[in-house]
Every structure is written in structure tokens, then in C-alpha cells.
């Protein structure tokens, strides 16, 4: 017997549901969900934007949190401007499986990241690292390094899992100050959105 629950929905049934905007206009349909089997997360939903957008040559990887489930209508609501979607990075609808099959290593998460950060969401890599910290399952390789400069000020730099320096802080007069700065980055970075002032 097929479950009629609007809360616990098998992934094989989700592909049957439409994506609409807040006005109720048909935007497209969920094609499939891609699961990160390593972390036990829904990495993204692949959506075909037919509907009034009429984009037929590619599918779009949308963060799970971008889709709002509406149990009464059993549809996904996507609150995103049309021009953002038309210029979004997509996958060839006939070759998307080949693309994600190449994502095996931690550094490959950068490929997933672009589908998150384009829409202004926290990076997927950041979400994964936060999950790792919560579970305490394995050590997070990204780190904050604290040092003291020639002027005697404390600074920290954020080093990615590949060893690349992502950011360097301002100078702090005390070690407590630099620790407070690190805590501030940890608390705000994952929730921060991207504001592109070059456009």
C-alpha cells in the first residue's frame, strides 16, 4: 500500500511533485534527489525548469533548504527570482549522472558548493563540516591557526581542508580577543548570505 502521508514521503514519490512559485505558477518538476551517502544528507534536488521558464536543455541542482514543502497541495514552493534561475549553473540533463559520479573526494565538494553559493546559501562544505562536528565522528581538517605578528598582535587564519588559506584576521591585542574573533566567524559564516555588489 502506498503511504499518503504528507510528512514522510519516499524519495521515489518526490519526483512526481511539481515546483511552483509563491503565486502558484508552474515552474517545473523535481526529477530526483541526490543523497550524500557518506554524510547521510540530501545534497540537492535536481529540478527541471519547464513551466513558464521554458528551460529544457539542463537541470538545476537546488539546495534542499531552497525548496519549501507545501503539504496541503503536495507541491514544492521555490521563492527565487526568474532572472536568478535563468542564469544559474545547471547540469546537462542527459549527462548529470556522469558529472556527480566524478565527485568522490573531499575536494570535489567545491563542485557542489557552486550550486549552493550561487543562490546565496551556506556552502555545502560548511554544512558537512558542521554535521561532522555535531556527530563527533571524525576530525574536521579545516582549522583556525593562531599566530603572533612582529608587532606583537595576535591573528588567526582560516585554513581549508586542502591546506589553502581562506582568510586572515585583523590584529588583536590579546589571545582572548583572537578567540572571540574565531567564535564570531564560526557563528556567522554558515548563516551568511552572499551580497554581490559588482553586479
Protein backbone atom coordinates (compact mmCIF):
# COMPACT_ATOMS: atom_id res chain seq x y z
CA UNK A 1 0.00 0.00 0.00
CA UNK A 2 1.29 3.48 -0.88
CA UNK A 3 1.57 5.92 2.01
CA UNK A 4 -0.50 9.10 1.73
CA UNK A 5 1.49 10.90 4.42
CA UNK A 6 2.45 14.47 3.53
CA UNK A 7 5.30 14.42 6.04
CA UNK A 8 7.15 11.17 5.47
CA UNK A 9 7.41 10.84 1.70
CA UNK A 10 9.59 8.21 -0.01
CA UNK A 11 12.11 9.78 -2.37
CA UNK A 12 10.75 7.73 -5.28
CA UNK A 13 7.48 9.65 -4.93
CA UNK A 14 9.01 13.12 -4.63
CA UNK A 15 9.91 13.14 -8.31
CA UNK A 16 6.18 13.20 -9.04
CA UNK A 17 5.71 16.60 -7.41
CA UNK A 18 5.74 19.99 -9.08
CA UNK A 19 7.70 23.11 -8.20
CA UNK A 20 5.73 26.37 -8.15
CA UNK A 21 6.50 29.94 -7.16
CA UNK A 22 4.66 31.77 -4.38
CA UNK A 23 1.98 32.86 -6.87
CA UNK A 24 1.33 29.22 -7.72
CA UNK A 25 2.79 29.47 -11.25
CA UNK A 26 4.19 26.19 -12.53
CA UNK A 27 7.98 26.36 -12.67
CA UNK A 28 8.97 22.76 -13.25
CA UNK A 29 9.26 19.41 -11.60
CA UNK A 30 11.63 17.60 -9.26
CA UNK A 31 13.49 14.94 -11.23
CA UNK A 32 15.41 13.27 -8.43
CA UNK A 33 17.16 13.82 -5.11
CA UNK A 34 20.89 13.27 -4.75
CA UNK A 35 21.92 11.81 -1.40
CA UNK A 36 25.37 12.19 0.14
CA UNK A 37 25.75 8.61 1.38
CA UNK A 38 28.93 9.50 3.25
CA UNK A 39 27.28 12.14 5.42
CA UNK A 40 23.65 10.97 5.30
CA UNK A 41 22.38 14.25 3.85
CA UNK A 42 20.23 15.28 0.92
CA UNK A 43 22.92 17.10 -1.07
CA UNK A 44 20.48 18.68 -3.51
CA UNK A 45 17.35 18.23 -5.57
CA UNK A 46 17.59 18.15 -9.36
CA UNK A 47 14.81 20.24 -10.84
CA UNK A 48 13.77 20.63 -14.48
CA UNK A 49 12.50 24.15 -15.09
CA UNK A 50 9.95 23.76 -17.82
CA UNK A 51 6.78 25.59 -16.89
CA UNK A 52 6.78 29.29 -17.69
CA UNK A 53 10.59 29.41 -17.57
CA UNK A 54 10.85 27.03 -20.51
CA UNK A 55 14.44 25.89 -19.81
CA UNK A 56 14.63 22.47 -21.41
CA UNK A 57 18.33 21.73 -22.03
CA UNK A 58 19.56 21.48 -18.43
CA UNK A 59 18.57 20.54 -14.90
CA UNK A 60 19.34 22.56 -11.81
CA UNK A 61 20.84 21.40 -8.51
CA UNK A 62 18.97 23.22 -5.75
CA UNK A 63 19.85 23.07 -2.05
CA UNK A 64 17.20 21.15 -0.11
CA UNK A 65 16.51 24.23 2.04
CA UNK A 66 15.63 26.25 -1.07
CA UNK A 67 12.50 24.14 -1.56
CA UNK A 68 9.60 24.65 0.83
CA UNK A 69 7.30 21.64 1.07
CA UNK A 70 3.61 22.55 1.00
CA UNK A 71 1.74 19.53 2.45
CA UNK A 72 -1.76 20.73 1.52
CA UNK A 73 -1.03 20.95 -2.21
CA UNK A 74 1.84 18.42 -2.17
CA UNK A 75 4.00 20.81 -4.14
CA UNK A 76 7.37 22.43 -3.59
CA UNK A 77 7.42 26.21 -3.37
CA UNK A 78 10.55 27.94 -4.67
CA UNK A 79 10.85 31.62 -3.77
CA UNK A 80 13.50 32.72 -6.23
CA UNK A 81 13.52 35.43 -8.94
CA UNK A 82 13.15 34.24 -12.52
CA UNK A 83 16.33 36.01 -13.66
CA UNK A 84 18.37 34.23 -10.97
CA UNK A 85 17.17 30.85 -12.19
CA UNK A 86 17.74 31.61 -15.87
CA UNK A 87 21.41 32.42 -15.20
CA UNK A 88 22.02 29.67 -12.65
CA UNK A 89 24.66 26.96 -13.21
CA UNK A 90 22.99 23.79 -14.41
CA UNK A 91 23.79 20.27 -15.49
CA UNK A 92 23.24 18.75 -18.90
CA UNK A 93 20.02 16.80 -18.43
CA UNK A 94 21.50 13.83 -20.33
CA UNK A 95 24.92 13.85 -18.59
CA UNK A 96 24.19 14.89 -14.99
CA UNK A 97 24.81 11.39 -13.65
CA UNK A 98 28.27 11.31 -15.21
CA UNK A 99 29.07 14.61 -13.50
CA UNK A 100 28.10 13.57 -9.98
CA UNK A 101 29.74 10.15 -10.39
CA UNK A 102 33.07 12.02 -10.59
CA UNK A 103 32.55 13.57 -7.13
CA UNK A 104 34.34 11.19 -4.80
CA UNK A 105 36.90 13.12 -2.75
CA UNK A 106 36.54 15.92 -0.19
CA UNK A 107 37.90 18.49 -2.66
CA UNK A 108 35.10 17.57 -5.06
CA UNK A 109 32.67 19.22 -2.64
CA UNK A 110 33.73 22.51 -4.25
CA UNK A 111 31.73 21.40 -7.29
CA UNK A 112 28.65 21.04 -5.10
CA UNK A 113 29.42 24.33 -3.38
CA UNK A 114 28.84 26.37 -6.52
CA UNK A 115 25.25 25.17 -6.64
CA UNK A 116 24.79 26.46 -3.08
CA UNK A 117 26.70 29.73 -3.06
CA UNK A 118 25.24 30.93 -6.37
CA UNK A 119 21.82 31.07 -4.74
CA UNK A 120 23.23 32.75 -1.62
CA UNK A 121 23.14 29.72 0.68
CA UNK A 122 25.85 28.48 3.03
CA UNK A 123 28.43 26.33 1.28
CA UNK A 124 27.79 22.60 1.22
CA UNK A 125 31.29 22.03 2.56
CA UNK A 126 30.42 24.20 5.56
CA UNK A 127 27.23 22.23 6.18
CA UNK A 128 29.14 18.94 6.03
CA UNK A 129 31.80 20.18 8.45
CA UNK A 130 29.16 21.38 10.89
CA UNK A 131 27.48 17.95 10.77
CA UNK A 132 30.85 16.27 11.42
CA UNK A 133 31.44 18.47 14.45
CA UNK A 134 27.99 17.73 15.86
CA UNK A 135 28.34 13.99 15.43
CA UNK A 136 31.94 13.95 16.62
CA UNK A 137 32.51 11.13 14.15
CA UNK A 138 35.79 12.29 12.73
CA UNK A 139 38.14 15.21 12.93
CA UNK A 140 37.43 18.24 10.76
CA UNK A 141 40.52 19.01 8.73
CA UNK A 142 39.74 22.71 8.24
CA UNK A 143 41.31 24.75 11.02
CA UNK A 144 41.99 28.14 12.55
CA UNK A 145 45.70 28.84 13.05
CA UNK A 146 46.68 31.47 15.65
CA UNK A 147 49.96 33.34 15.37
CA UNK A 148 51.67 36.44 16.73
CA UNK A 149 52.98 39.04 14.29
CA UNK A 150 56.12 41.21 14.57
CA UNK A 151 54.09 43.99 16.22
CA UNK A 152 53.06 41.59 18.98
CA UNK A 153 49.43 41.31 17.84
CA UNK A 154 47.53 38.03 17.67
CA UNK A 155 45.99 36.99 14.35
CA UNK A 156 44.18 33.94 13.06
CA UNK A 157 43.90 32.49 9.61
CA UNK A 158 41.28 30.06 8.36
CA UNK A 159 42.85 27.14 6.53
CA UNK A 160 40.71 24.90 4.27
CA UNK A 161 40.84 21.11 4.21
CA UNK A 162 43.21 21.29 1.22
CA UNK A 163 45.67 23.48 3.18
CA UNK A 164 44.77 26.68 1.34
CA UNK A 165 44.44 29.87 3.42
CA UNK A 166 40.90 31.19 3.02
CA UNK A 167 41.00 34.26 5.25
CA UNK A 168 43.31 36.17 7.59
CA UNK A 169 42.04 38.21 10.52
CA UNK A 170 42.84 41.67 11.75
CA UNK A 171 45.28 42.06 14.65
CA UNK A 172 44.13 41.52 18.25
CA UNK A 173 45.88 42.80 21.36
CA UNK A 174 45.15 39.65 23.37
CA UNK A 175 44.68 35.93 22.85
CA UNK A 176 41.18 36.24 24.30
CA UNK A 177 40.39 38.77 21.58
CA UNK A 178 41.53 36.46 18.81
CA UNK A 179 39.48 33.59 20.29
CA UNK A 180 36.41 35.84 20.35
CA UNK A 181 37.06 36.66 16.68
CA UNK A 182 37.21 32.96 15.80
CA UNK A 183 33.96 32.30 17.67
CA UNK A 184 32.30 35.14 15.74
CA UNK A 185 33.37 33.64 12.39
CA UNK A 186 32.10 30.20 13.42
CA UNK A 187 28.72 31.56 14.47
CA UNK A 188 28.13 33.85 11.50
CA UNK A 189 29.80 32.22 8.49
CA UNK A 190 27.37 29.35 7.90
CA UNK A 191 24.32 31.63 8.08
CA UNK A 192 25.86 34.43 6.00
CA UNK A 193 24.44 35.12 2.54
CA UNK A 194 26.38 36.38 -0.45
CA UNK A 195 25.81 40.02 -1.39
CA UNK A 196 27.30 40.68 -4.83
CA UNK A 197 27.96 44.42 -5.16
CA UNK A 198 29.72 44.00 -8.51
CA UNK A 199 26.50 43.28 -10.40
